[in-house]
Amino acid sequence: MNQEVNNAYEVLSKGGIILYPTDTIWGLGCDATNEKAVAKIYEIKKRIDSKSMIILLENINRIYSYVDDVPDIAFDLIEAAVNPITIIYPGAKNLAQNLLSEDKSIGIRIPQDEFCLQLLKKFRKPIVSTSANISGEKSALNFSEIKLEISEKVDYIVKWRQNETKNGKASSIIKLEKGNVFKIIRE
Protein backbone atom coordinates (compact mmCIF):
# COMPACT_ATOMS: atom_id res chain seq x y z
CA MET A 1 0.00 0.00 0.00
CA ASN A 2 2.82 2.45 0.79
CA GLN A 3 4.10 2.35 -2.79
CA GLU A 4 0.61 3.05 -4.10
CA VAL A 5 0.27 6.02 -1.73
CA ASN A 6 3.60 7.34 -3.04
CA ASN A 7 2.58 6.81 -6.68
CA ALA A 8 -0.76 8.56 -6.21
CA TYR A 9 0.94 11.39 -4.32
CA GLU A 10 3.35 11.99 -7.23
CA VAL A 11 0.49 12.21 -9.73
CA LEU A 12 -1.59 14.53 -7.53
CA SER A 13 1.44 16.77 -6.93
CA LYS A 14 1.80 17.27 -10.69
CA GLY A 15 -1.87 18.18 -11.19
CA GLY A 16 -2.86 14.72 -12.40
CA ILE A 17 -6.03 12.67 -11.98
CA ILE A 18 -6.14 9.41 -10.05
CA LEU A 19 -8.66 6.58 -9.99
CA TYR A 20 -8.66 5.30 -6.42
CA PRO A 21 -10.51 3.26 -3.78
CA THR A 22 -12.26 5.07 -0.94
CA ASP A 23 -14.33 4.02 2.05
CA THR A 24 -17.41 4.20 -0.17
CA ILE A 25 -16.95 3.54 -3.90
CA TRP A 26 -14.06 3.99 -6.34
CA GLY A 27 -13.50 7.62 -7.17
CA LEU A 28 -11.78 10.08 -9.44
CA GLY A 29 -9.50 12.38 -7.51
CA CYS A 30 -7.24 15.39 -7.89
CA ASP A 31 -5.81 18.29 -5.93
CA ALA A 32 -8.91 20.19 -4.76
CA THR A 33 -6.99 23.48 -4.93
CA ASN A 34 -5.98 23.05 -8.60
CA GLU A 35 -8.59 24.50 -11.01
CA LYS A 36 -7.08 22.84 -14.10
CA ALA A 37 -7.16 19.41 -12.45
CA VAL A 38 -10.75 19.94 -11.28
CA ALA A 39 -11.73 20.99 -14.83
CA LYS A 40 -10.20 17.78 -16.18
CA ILE A 41 -12.39 15.67 -13.86
CA TYR A 42 -15.49 17.54 -15.08
CA GLU A 43 -14.37 16.76 -18.63
CA ILE A 44 -13.76 13.06 -17.90
CA LYS A 45 -17.18 12.71 -16.24
CA LYS A 46 -18.90 14.83 -18.93
CA ARG A 47 -20.37 16.76 -16.03
CA ILE A 48 -21.48 20.37 -16.07
CA ASP A 49 -19.28 22.42 -13.79
CA SER A 50 -22.21 23.96 -11.93
CA LYS A 51 -22.65 20.54 -10.26
CA SER A 52 -20.09 20.56 -7.48
CA MET A 53 -18.01 17.62 -6.25
CA ILE A 54 -16.88 16.72 -2.74
CA ILE A 55 -13.48 16.72 -1.07
CA LEU A 56 -11.82 14.38 1.39
CA LEU A 57 -9.89 15.57 4.44
CA GLU A 58 -7.86 13.41 6.81
CA ASN A 59 -9.39 14.76 10.02
CA ILE A 60 -12.17 16.91 11.36
CA ASN A 61 -9.86 19.75 12.44
CA ARG A 62 -8.85 20.43 8.81
CA ILE A 63 -12.41 21.55 7.99
CA TYR A 64 -11.63 25.00 9.43
CA SER A 65 -9.06 25.54 6.66
CA TYR A 66 -11.73 25.15 3.97
CA VAL A 67 -14.96 26.44 5.53
CA ASP A 68 -15.58 29.93 6.95
CA ASP A 69 -17.87 28.90 9.77
CA VAL A 70 -18.28 25.31 10.95
CA PRO A 71 -21.64 24.85 12.71
CA ASP A 72 -21.38 22.97 16.01
CA ILE A 73 -23.84 20.34 14.83
CA ALA A 74 -21.30 19.17 12.21
CA PHE A 75 -19.17 17.53 14.88
CA ASP A 76 -22.19 15.78 16.40
CA LEU A 77 -23.24 14.45 12.99
CA ILE A 78 -19.74 13.18 12.15
CA GLU A 79 -19.25 11.52 15.52
CA ALA A 80 -22.71 9.91 15.47
CA ALA A 81 -22.42 8.57 11.91
CA VAL A 82 -22.24 4.78 11.65
CA ASN A 83 -21.71 4.84 7.87
CA PRO A 84 -19.67 7.26 5.72
CA ILE A 85 -21.20 10.74 5.73
CA THR A 86 -20.60 13.76 3.53
CA ILE A 87 -21.56 17.10 4.98
CA ILE A 88 -22.16 20.13 2.77
CA TYR A 89 -20.93 23.30 4.46
CA PRO A 90 -21.71 26.90 3.49
CA GLY A 91 -18.89 29.38 2.97
CA ALA A 92 -16.16 27.29 1.31
CA LYS A 93 -12.70 28.84 1.00
CA ASN A 94 -9.14 28.04 -0.13
CA LEU A 95 -10.35 25.61 -2.82
CA ALA A 96 -10.49 25.71 -6.62
CA GLN A 97 -13.42 28.00 -7.47
CA ASN A 98 -14.76 25.61 -10.13
CA LEU A 99 -15.15 22.98 -7.40
CA LEU A 100 -17.68 24.98 -5.39
CA SER A 101 -21.43 24.94 -5.91
CA GLU A 102 -23.23 28.08 -7.01
CA ASP A 103 -23.97 29.00 -3.37
CA LYS A 104 -20.24 28.63 -2.52
CA SER A 105 -20.79 25.52 -0.42
CA ILE A 106 -18.61 22.39 -0.41
CA GLY A 107 -19.23 18.77 0.53
CA ILE A 108 -16.59 17.27 2.83
CA ARG A 109 -16.07 13.70 4.02
CA ILE A 110 -13.54 12.36 6.51
CA PRO A 111 -12.86 8.85 5.14
CA GLN A 112 -12.28 5.80 7.31
CA ASP A 113 -10.18 4.07 4.65
CA GLU A 114 -6.50 3.51 5.45
CA PHE A 115 -5.31 4.16 1.88
CA CYS A 116 -7.21 7.48 1.69
CA LEU A 117 -6.02 8.59 5.11
CA GLN A 118 -2.37 7.86 4.34
CA LEU A 119 -2.62 9.64 0.98
CA LEU A 120 -4.30 12.68 2.54
CA LYS A 121 -1.65 12.88 5.28
CA LYS A 122 1.16 12.71 2.73
CA PHE A 123 -0.46 15.14 0.27
CA ARG A 124 -1.45 17.66 2.99
CA LYS A 125 -4.19 19.13 0.79
CA PRO A 126 -7.81 18.14 0.21
CA ILE A 127 -8.45 15.62 -2.55
CA VAL A 128 -11.51 15.65 -4.80
CA SER A 129 -13.63 12.52 -4.54
CA THR A 130 -16.30 11.92 -7.15
CA SER A 131 -17.74 8.67 -8.42
CA ALA A 132 -15.81 7.04 -11.25
CA ASN A 133 -18.58 7.21 -13.84
CA ILE A 134 -20.01 9.41 -16.57
CA SER A 135 -22.35 11.97 -15.02
CA GLY A 136 -25.91 10.71 -14.89
CA GLU A 137 -24.93 7.05 -15.26
CA LYS A 138 -24.97 4.42 -12.52
CA SER A 139 -21.99 4.59 -10.14
CA ALA A 140 -19.43 1.80 -10.34
CA LEU A 141 -19.78 -0.05 -7.02
CA ASN A 142 -16.42 -1.82 -7.33
CA PHE A 143 -13.36 -1.59 -9.57
CA SER A 144 -14.56 -4.18 -12.10
CA GLU A 145 -17.59 -1.98 -12.95
CA ILE A 146 -15.54 1.07 -13.96
CA LYS A 147 -15.89 1.71 -17.68
CA LEU A 148 -12.86 1.97 -19.95
CA GLU A 149 -14.18 5.38 -21.01
CA ILE A 150 -13.23 6.56 -17.50
CA SER A 151 -10.13 4.53 -16.69
CA GLU A 152 -8.30 5.33 -19.93
CA LYS A 153 -8.52 9.09 -19.26
CA VAL A 154 -6.89 9.21 -15.82
CA ASP A 155 -3.18 9.70 -15.16
CA TYR A 156 -2.89 6.88 -12.61
CA ILE A 157 -4.99 3.91 -11.48
CA VAL A 158 -4.24 2.88 -7.91
CA LYS A 159 -3.35 -0.80 -7.72
CA TRP A 160 -4.86 -1.33 -4.29
CA ARG A 161 -8.12 -3.20 -3.62
CA GLN A 162 -8.84 -3.69 -7.33
CA ASN A 163 -9.75 -7.35 -6.80
CA GLU A 164 -12.40 -6.75 -4.16
CA THR A 165 -15.81 -7.92 -5.30
CA LYS A 166 -17.82 -6.45 -2.43
CA ASN A 167 -19.97 -3.60 -3.69
CA GLY A 168 -19.34 -0.20 -2.17
CA LYS A 169 -22.07 2.22 -1.17
CA ALA A 170 -22.10 5.98 -1.68
CA SER A 171 -22.04 8.12 1.46
CA SER A 172 -25.02 9.77 3.06
CA ILE A 173 -25.17 13.49 2.31
CA ILE A 174 -26.37 16.15 4.73
CA LYS A 175 -26.46 19.88 3.96
CA LEU A 176 -25.85 22.29 6.83
CA GLU A 177 -27.21 25.79 6.97
CA LYS A 178 -26.88 28.61 9.46
CA GLY A 179 -28.43 28.13 12.87
CA ASN A 180 -27.57 24.41 13.07
CA VAL A 181 -30.29 23.63 10.53
CA PHE A 182 -29.63 20.61 8.33
CA LYS A 183 -31.30 18.81 5.45
CA ILE A 184 -30.78 15.18 4.44
CA ILE A 185 -29.91 15.08 0.73
CA ARG A 186 -29.14 11.33 0.42
CA GLU A 187 -29.54 8.62 3.06
C-alpha atoms as a PDB file:
ATOM      1  CA  MET A   1       0.000   0.000   0.000  1.00  0.00           C
ATOM      2  CA  ASN A   2       2.822   2.453   0.793  1.00  0.00           C
ATOM      3  CA  GLN A   3       4.099   2.351  -2.791  1.00  0.00           C
ATOM      4  CA  GLU A   4       0.612   3.046  -4.104  1.00  0.00           C
ATOM      5  CA  VAL A   5       0.270   6.015  -1.734  1.00  0.00           C
ATOM      6  CA  ASN A   6       3.600   7.340  -3.042  1.00  0.00           C
ATOM      7  CA  ASN A   7       2.583   6.808  -6.682  1.00  0.00           C
ATOM      8  CA  ALA A   8      -0.763   8.558  -6.215  1.00  0.00           C
ATOM      9  CA  TYR A   9       0.939  11.394  -4.322  1.00  0.00           C
ATOM     10  CA  GLU A  10       3.353  11.991  -7.225  1.00  0.00           C
ATOM     11  CA  VAL A  11       0.491  12.209  -9.727  1.00  0.00           C
ATOM     12  CA  LEU A  12      -1.587  14.531  -7.526  1.00  0.00           C
ATOM     13  CA  SER A  13       1.440  16.771  -6.934  1.00  0.00           C
ATOM     14  CA  LYS A  14       1.803  17.275 -10.695  1.00  0.00           C
ATOM     15  CA  GLY A  15      -1.869  18.184 -11.194  1.00  0.00           C
ATOM     16  CA  GLY A  16      -2.864  14.721 -12.399  1.00  0.00           C
ATOM     17  CA  ILE A  17      -6.029  12.673 -11.980  1.00  0.00           C
ATOM     18  CA  ILE A  18      -6.140   9.409 -10.049  1.00  0.00           C
ATOM     19  CA  LEU A  19      -8.659   6.583  -9.992  1.00  0.00           C
ATOM     20  CA  TYR A  20      -8.664   5.299  -6.417  1.00  0.00           C
ATOM     21  CA  PRO A  21     -10.514   3.259  -3.784  1.00  0.00           C
ATOM     22  CA  THR A  22     -12.256   5.073  -0.940  1.00  0.00           C
ATOM     23  CA  ASP A  23     -14.325   4.017   2.053  1.00  0.00           C
ATOM     24  CA  THR A  24     -17.410   4.200  -0.167  1.00  0.00           C
ATOM     25  CA  ILE A  25     -16.946   3.538  -3.897  1.00  0.00           C
ATOM     26  CA  TRP A  26     -14.061   3.991  -6.338  1.00  0.00           C
ATOM     27  CA  GLY A  27     -13.498   7.622  -7.174  1.00  0.00           C
ATOM     28  CA  LEU A  28     -11.784  10.080  -9.437  1.00  0.00           C
ATOM     29  CA  GLY A  29      -9.500  12.384  -7.513  1.00  0.00           C
ATOM     30  CA  CYS A  30      -7.239  15.385  -7.893  1.00  0.00           C
ATOM     31  CA  ASP A  31      -5.812  18.290  -5.933  1.00  0.00           C
ATOM     32  CA  ALA A  32      -8.907  20.188  -4.759  1.00  0.00           C
ATOM     33  CA  THR A  33      -6.990  23.484  -4.932  1.00  0.00           C
ATOM     34  CA  ASN A  34      -5.981  23.052  -8.602  1.00  0.00           C
ATOM     35  CA  GLU A  35      -8.590  24.504 -11.007  1.00  0.00           C
ATOM     36  CA  LYS A  36      -7.081  22.835 -14.100  1.00  0.00           C
ATOM     37  CA  ALA A  37      -7.159  19.411 -12.452  1.00  0.00           C
ATOM     38  CA  VAL A  38     -10.752  19.942 -11.279  1.00  0.00           C
ATOM     39  CA  ALA A  39     -11.733  20.992 -14.834  1.00  0.00           C
ATOM     40  CA  LYS A  40     -10.196  17.779 -16.183  1.00  0.00           C
ATOM     41  CA  ILE A  41     -12.386  15.675 -13.862  1.00  0.00           C
ATOM     42  CA  TYR A  42     -15.486  17.543 -15.083  1.00  0.00           C
ATOM     43  CA  GLU A  43     -14.370  16.764 -18.634  1.00  0.00           C
ATOM     44  CA  ILE A  44     -13.762  13.056 -17.900  1.00  0.00           C
ATOM     45  CA  LYS A  45     -17.175  12.709 -16.239  1.00  0.00           C
ATOM     46  CA  LYS A  46     -18.896  14.832 -18.927  1.00  0.00           C
ATOM     47  CA  ARG A  47     -20.366  16.760 -16.026  1.00  0.00           C
ATOM     48  CA  ILE A  48     -21.481  20.375 -16.069  1.00  0.00           C
ATOM     49  CA  ASP A  49     -19.279  22.420 -13.788  1.00  0.00           C
ATOM     50  CA  SER A  50     -22.208  23.964 -11.929  1.00  0.00           C
ATOM     51  CA  LYS A  51     -22.646  20.542 -10.265  1.00  0.00           C
ATOM     52  CA  SER A  52     -20.093  20.563  -7.477  1.00  0.00           C
ATOM     53  CA  MET A  53     -18.007  17.625  -6.253  1.00  0.00           C
ATOM     54  CA  ILE A  54     -16.881  16.716  -2.744  1.00  0.00           C
ATOM     55  CA  ILE A  55     -13.483  16.720  -1.067  1.00  0.00           C
ATOM     56  CA  LEU A  56     -11.825  14.376   1.386  1.00  0.00           C
ATOM     57  CA  LEU A  57      -9.889  15.572   4.437  1.00  0.00           C
ATOM     58  CA  GLU A  58      -7.856  13.410   6.808  1.00  0.00           C
ATOM     59  CA  ASN A  59      -9.386  14.762  10.019  1.00  0.00           C
ATOM     60  CA  ILE A  60     -12.165  16.912  11.355  1.00  0.00           C
ATOM     61  CA  ASN A  61      -9.855  19.749  12.439  1.00  0.00           C
ATOM     62  CA  ARG A  62      -8.849  20.430   8.809  1.00  0.00           C
ATOM     63  CA  ILE A  63     -12.409  21.553   7.994  1.00  0.00           C
ATOM     64  CA  TYR A  64     -11.627  24.999   9.434  1.00  0.00           C
ATOM     65  CA  SER A  65      -9.057  25.535   6.657  1.00  0.00           C
ATOM     66  CA  TYR A  66     -11.730  25.154   3.968  1.00  0.00           C
ATOM     67  CA  VAL A  67     -14.955  26.442   5.526  1.00  0.00           C
ATOM     68  CA  ASP A  68     -15.584  29.935   6.954  1.00  0.00           C
ATOM     69  CA  ASP A  69     -17.873  28.899   9.774  1.00  0.00           C
ATOM     70  CA  VAL A  70     -18.280  25.309  10.953  1.00  0.00           C
ATOM     71  CA  PRO A  71     -21.642  24.854  12.707  1.00  0.00           C
ATOM     72  CA  ASP A  72     -21.378  22.966  16.009  1.00  0.00           C
ATOM     73  CA  ILE A  73     -23.841  20.340  14.826  1.00  0.00           C
ATOM     74  CA  ALA A  74     -21.305  19.171  12.207  1.00  0.00           C
ATOM     75  CA  PHE A  75     -19.169  17.530  14.883  1.00  0.00           C
ATOM     76  CA  ASP A  76     -22.190  15.784  16.405  1.00  0.00           C
ATOM     77  CA  LEU A  77     -23.236  14.450  12.987  1.00  0.00           C
ATOM     78  CA  ILE A  78     -19.735  13.184  12.145  1.00  0.00           C
ATOM     79  CA  GLU A  79     -19.254  11.521  15.524  1.00  0.00           C
ATOM     80  CA  ALA A  80     -22.714   9.908  15.467  1.00  0.00           C
ATOM     81  CA  ALA A  81     -22.419   8.566  11.910  1.00  0.00           C
ATOM     82  CA  VAL A  82     -22.236   4.784  11.646  1.00  0.00           C
ATOM     83  CA  ASN A  83     -21.707   4.840   7.865  1.00  0.00           C
ATOM     84  CA  PRO A  84     -19.674   7.261   5.718  1.00  0.00           C
ATOM     85  CA  ILE A  85     -21.196  10.735   5.732  1.00  0.00           C
ATOM     86  CA  THR A  86     -20.597  13.758   3.529  1.00  0.00           C
ATOM     87  CA  ILE A  87     -21.565  17.099   4.979  1.00  0.00           C
ATOM     88  CA  ILE A  88     -22.160  20.132   2.765  1.00  0.00           C
ATOM     89  CA  TYR A  89     -20.935  23.297   4.464  1.00  0.00           C
ATOM     90  CA  PRO A  90     -21.715  26.896   3.493  1.00  0.00           C
ATOM     91  CA  GLY A  91     -18.891  29.379   2.971  1.00  0.00           C
ATOM     92  CA  ALA A  92     -16.164  27.288   1.311  1.00  0.00           C
ATOM     93  CA  LYS A  93     -12.704  28.842   0.999  1.00  0.00           C
ATOM     94  CA  ASN A  94      -9.142  28.036  -0.129  1.00  0.00           C
ATOM     95  CA  LEU A  95     -10.350  25.613  -2.825  1.00  0.00           C
ATOM     96  CA  ALA A  96     -10.494  25.714  -6.623  1.00  0.00           C
ATOM     97  CA  GLN A  97     -13.424  28.002  -7.472  1.00  0.00           C
ATOM     98  CA  ASN A  98     -14.762  25.608 -10.126  1.00  0.00           C
ATOM     99  CA  LEU A  99     -15.152  22.975  -7.403  1.00  0.00           C
ATOM    100  CA  LEU A 100     -17.682  24.983  -5.394  1.00  0.00           C
ATOM    101  CA  SER A 101     -21.431  24.940  -5.906  1.00  0.00           C
ATOM    102  CA  GLU A 102     -23.226  28.083  -7.006  1.00  0.00           C
ATOM    103  CA  ASP A 103     -23.974  29.002  -3.370  1.00  0.00           C
ATOM    104  CA  LYS A 104     -20.238  28.626  -2.523  1.00  0.00           C
ATOM    105  CA  SER A 105     -20.788  25.518  -0.419  1.00  0.00           C
ATOM    106  CA  ILE A 106     -18.615  22.389  -0.407  1.00  0.00           C
ATOM    107  CA  GLY A 107     -19.230  18.767   0.532  1.00  0.00           C
ATOM    108  CA  ILE A 108     -16.591  17.271   2.833  1.00  0.00           C
ATOM    109  CA  ARG A 109     -16.069  13.702   4.024  1.00  0.00           C
ATOM    110  CA  ILE A 110     -13.541  12.356   6.507  1.00  0.00           C
ATOM    111  CA  PRO A 111     -12.860   8.853   5.136  1.00  0.00           C
ATOM    112  CA  GLN A 112     -12.279   5.803   7.311  1.00  0.00           C
ATOM    113  CA  ASP A 113     -10.180   4.073   4.647  1.00  0.00           C
ATOM    114  CA  GLU A 114      -6.498   3.508   5.449  1.00  0.00           C
ATOM    115  CA  PHE A 115      -5.312   4.162   1.883  1.00  0.00           C
ATOM    116  CA  CYS A 116      -7.207   7.477   1.688  1.00  0.00           C
ATOM    117  CA  LEU A 117      -6.024   8.591   5.113  1.00  0.00           C
ATOM    118  CA  GLN A 118      -2.374   7.861   4.336  1.00  0.00           C
ATOM    119  CA  LEU A 119      -2.618   9.638   0.979  1.00  0.00           C
ATOM    120  CA  LEU A 120      -4.300  12.676   2.541  1.00  0.00           C
ATOM    121  CA  LYS A 121      -1.651  12.878   5.278  1.00  0.00           C
ATOM    122  CA  LYS A 122       1.156  12.707   2.733  1.00  0.00           C
ATOM    123  CA  PHE A 123      -0.459  15.142   0.270  1.00  0.00           C
ATOM    124  CA  ARG A 124      -1.450  17.656   2.988  1.00  0.00           C
ATOM    125  CA  LYS A 125      -4.194  19.134   0.793  1.00  0.00           C
ATOM    126  CA  PRO A 126      -7.813  18.143   0.207  1.00  0.00           C
ATOM    127  CA  ILE A 127      -8.455  15.619  -2.547  1.00  0.00           C
ATOM    128  CA  VAL A 128     -11.511  15.645  -4.801  1.00  0.00           C
ATOM    129  CA  SER A 129     -13.626  12.520  -4.535  1.00  0.00           C
ATOM    130  CA  THR A 130     -16.299  11.924  -7.145  1.00  0.00           C
ATOM    131  CA  SER A 131     -17.741   8.674  -8.422  1.00  0.00           C
ATOM    132  CA  ALA A 132     -15.808   7.036 -11.254  1.00  0.00           C
ATOM    133  CA  ASN A 133     -18.579   7.208 -13.836  1.00  0.00           C
ATOM    134  CA  ILE A 134     -20.009   9.414 -16.566  1.00  0.00           C
ATOM    135  CA  SER A 135     -22.346  11.972 -15.021  1.00  0.00           C
ATOM    136  CA  GLY A 136     -25.914  10.706 -14.886  1.00  0.00           C
ATOM    137  CA  GLU A 137     -24.926   7.047 -15.261  1.00  0.00           C
ATOM    138  CA  LYS A 138     -24.969   4.417 -12.521  1.00  0.00           C
ATOM    139  CA  SER A 139     -21.986   4.595 -10.145  1.00  0.00           C
ATOM    140  CA  ALA A 140     -19.433   1.795 -10.343  1.00  0.00           C
ATOM    141  CA  LEU A 141     -19.781  -0.052  -7.022  1.00  0.00           C
ATOM    142  CA  ASN A 142     -16.421  -1.824  -7.333  1.00  0.00           C
ATOM    143  CA  PHE A 143     -13.361  -1.587  -9.568  1.00  0.00           C
ATOM    144  CA  SER A 144     -14.565  -4.180 -12.097  1.00  0.00           C
ATOM    145  CA  GLU A 145     -17.590  -1.983 -12.947  1.00  0.00           C
ATOM    146  CA  ILE A 146     -15.538   1.072 -13.965  1.00  0.00           C
ATOM    147  CA  LYS A 147     -15.889   1.712 -17.679  1.00  0.00           C
ATOM    148  CA  LEU A 148     -12.859   1.967 -19.947  1.00  0.00           C
ATOM    149  CA  GLU A 149     -14.179   5.378 -21.008  1.00  0.00           C
ATOM    150  CA  ILE A 150     -13.226   6.564 -17.501  1.00  0.00           C
ATOM    151  CA  SER A 151     -10.127   4.528 -16.695  1.00  0.00           C
ATOM    152  CA  GLU A 152      -8.295   5.333 -19.934  1.00  0.00           C
ATOM    153  CA  LYS A 153      -8.521   9.085 -19.264  1.00  0.00           C
ATOM    154  CA  VAL A 154      -6.890   9.211 -15.817  1.00  0.00           C
ATOM    155  CA  ASP A 155      -3.183   9.696 -15.156  1.00  0.00           C
ATOM    156  CA  TYR A 156      -2.892   6.880 -12.611  1.00  0.00           C
ATOM    157  CA  ILE A 157      -4.986   3.915 -11.477  1.00  0.00           C
ATOM    158  CA  VAL A 158      -4.244   2.884  -7.908  1.00  0.00           C
ATOM    159  CA  LYS A 159      -3.348  -0.796  -7.720  1.00  0.00           C
ATOM    160  CA  TRP A 160      -4.859  -1.328  -4.293  1.00  0.00           C
ATOM    161  CA  ARG A 161      -8.118  -3.196  -3.615  1.00  0.00           C
ATOM    162  CA  GLN A 162      -8.835  -3.692  -7.326  1.00  0.00           C
ATOM    163  CA  ASN A 163      -9.753  -7.353  -6.802  1.00  0.00           C
ATOM    164  CA  GLU A 164     -12.402  -6.749  -4.160  1.00  0.00           C
ATOM    165  CA  THR A 165     -15.812  -7.919  -5.295  1.00  0.00           C
ATOM    166  CA  LYS A 166     -17.820  -6.448  -2.429  1.00  0.00           C
ATOM    167  CA  ASN A 167     -19.966  -3.598  -3.685  1.00  0.00           C
ATOM    168  CA  GLY A 168     -19.340  -0.200  -2.168  1.00  0.00           C
ATOM    169  CA  LYS A 169     -22.073   2.220  -1.174  1.00  0.00           C
ATOM    170  CA  ALA A 170     -22.100   5.976  -1.683  1.00  0.00           C
ATOM    171  CA  SER A 171     -22.042   8.117   1.461  1.00  0.00           C
ATOM    172  CA  SER A 172     -25.016   9.772   3.064  1.00  0.00           C
ATOM    173  CA  ILE A 173     -25.172  13.493   2.309  1.00  0.00           C
ATOM    174  CA  ILE A 174     -26.367  16.149   4.734  1.00  0.00           C
ATOM    175  CA  LYS A 175     -26.457  19.881   3.960  1.00  0.00           C
ATOM    176  CA  LEU A 176     -25.848  22.290   6.834  1.00  0.00           C
ATOM    177  CA  GLU A 177     -27.214  25.792   6.966  1.00  0.00           C
ATOM    178  CA  LYS A 178     -26.877  28.606   9.459  1.00  0.00           C
ATOM    179  CA  GLY A 179     -28.427  28.131  12.873  1.00  0.00           C
ATOM    180  CA  ASN A 180     -27.570  24.408  13.072  1.00  0.00           C
ATOM    181  CA  VAL A 181     -30.293  23.632  10.530  1.00  0.00           C
ATOM    182  CA  PHE A 182     -29.632  20.614   8.329  1.00  0.00           C
ATOM    183  CA  LYS A 183     -31.297  18.814   5.447  1.00  0.00           C
ATOM    184  CA  ILE A 184     -30.780  15.176   4.435  1.00  0.00           C
ATOM    185  CA  ILE A 185     -29.909  15.076   0.729  1.00  0.00           C
ATOM    186  CA  ARG A 186     -29.143  11.334   0.422  1.00  0.00           C
ATOM    187  CA  GLU A 187     -29.536   8.617   3.060  1.00  0.00           C
END
